[in-house]
Amino acid sequence: MELRTFTWSGERGWSTPLTGARPGSLVLAFGGTSLAANPAAVHDLVAAHDDSIVIGCSSAGEIAGTTLLDDALSVAVAEFDATRVELVSDRVESSVDSYAVGRRLASALAALDHGEGLRAIFVLSDGLAVNGGALVAGLVAASGPDVVITGGLAGDGDRFEATWVLTGGELRSGVVTAVGLYGERLRVGHGSRGGWDHFGPERVVTRAEGNVLFELDGQPALELYKKYLGDRAAGLPATALLFPLAVRVPGRVQRTVTRTILAVDEATQTMTFAGDIPQGAAAQLMRANFDRLVESAQDAAESAAVDHQGPLLAVAISCVGRRLLLGEHIEDELEATVAGLPDDAGVVGFYSYGEISPIAAGTCDLHNQTMTVTTFSEAA
């Protein structure tokens, strides 16, 4: 495996000249939503790698090692020696399609296994039209138990207006794309950590439909959020990132996921989350602990690090809410992430509207407000 990482910005252009790669290589590119209006740099990247699998998505900030970029491109080119890469894409017209889309994508990748073994699925999704939790459930349902599923939901800064996914050489909204990686020499590591503190009483989700939350303890959920936000309520939905929701699924005490808001509806007093909020679940507000946020990023990276010989590609996907909270200290998180990885790791990634990863060796889930790291390498 050979690995290159590089960047592009409107001011400086490409950090290294564009060159081709071996046929079948994997190219990851994460960029700002503004590129949808002026995609020339993306088209140049795709043209230079016309025999490769090129995917990517919009972000709330692009990660290039310990550096955070905006309205730029962070790129990795992985030229595998013994790993085959396949690409599938599907449209997600609305959140109710999400589970079926996930099943179709995973089934299509499984059908492309020609005996090497499907080892991993890396998925990038539209960040607004999708129910990320249902998408992941569909992927899991149609995948074997040994397939590692990771990825994230595209971002749009703190605007929540439009996101894009790069597939087929174009930047498209309402699309989910996934790559399958096949071969016994492939090594995949993963880690996902939050670092948030729970506070206030645990409440019962008394009314919810899919990823739309109506009531907590019989009261309008939006009203409760506004109470905790105070003056910041005027900045919804972005300011709701300050208080994510810990959701404990009934009958599965050890499975708690974090959920953040994508949209609010004042008329119905509802909130739409990035993933399902099951009716009857226990929910509790969370708030930031700056030191623990940074420490958790290093923990995620250390969990993802795998024994490797040769290059190691690390894809770091963190939540836009963490960026908003850490503010000018955001590079502390990136430095902690890099510190948790081997010195020779190439690190790219983005700030997202949702992170997809297993926790430890468990089932894959959609997460919010986490740092999630996936590593790819090949055994000799």
Foldseek 3Di string as FASTA:
>chain_A
DDKDKWKADPVPGTPDDQAEAPQQKEKEKEFAPCCQVPVPSLLVNCVRHVRYFYKYKYFLWKDFQLDTDHRMMIMMIGHDDFKGKDKDKDFQPAAVCQLVRLQVQLQVLVVPDPPQDFQEKEKEAAQQRHAQQSNQVNVLVNHDLRYWYWYAYHDHRLPLDGMFMAGPSHTDHRMMMMMTMGHPFKDKFKFKFFLWAFDDDWWAQADDDWQKGQDTNRHGPLVVLCVVCPVCNVVPPSSQLQKWKWWADPPRRVDIATWGFSDADPVRSMTGISHTRDHGIIITIIHHDLVSQLQQLLVGLLRGEDDADDEKEKEKEFASSNCVVCPVNVSSSSNSNCVSYDVRYGYIYHHHRWIWGDHRSDRIGIHHNMIMMMMIHGHD
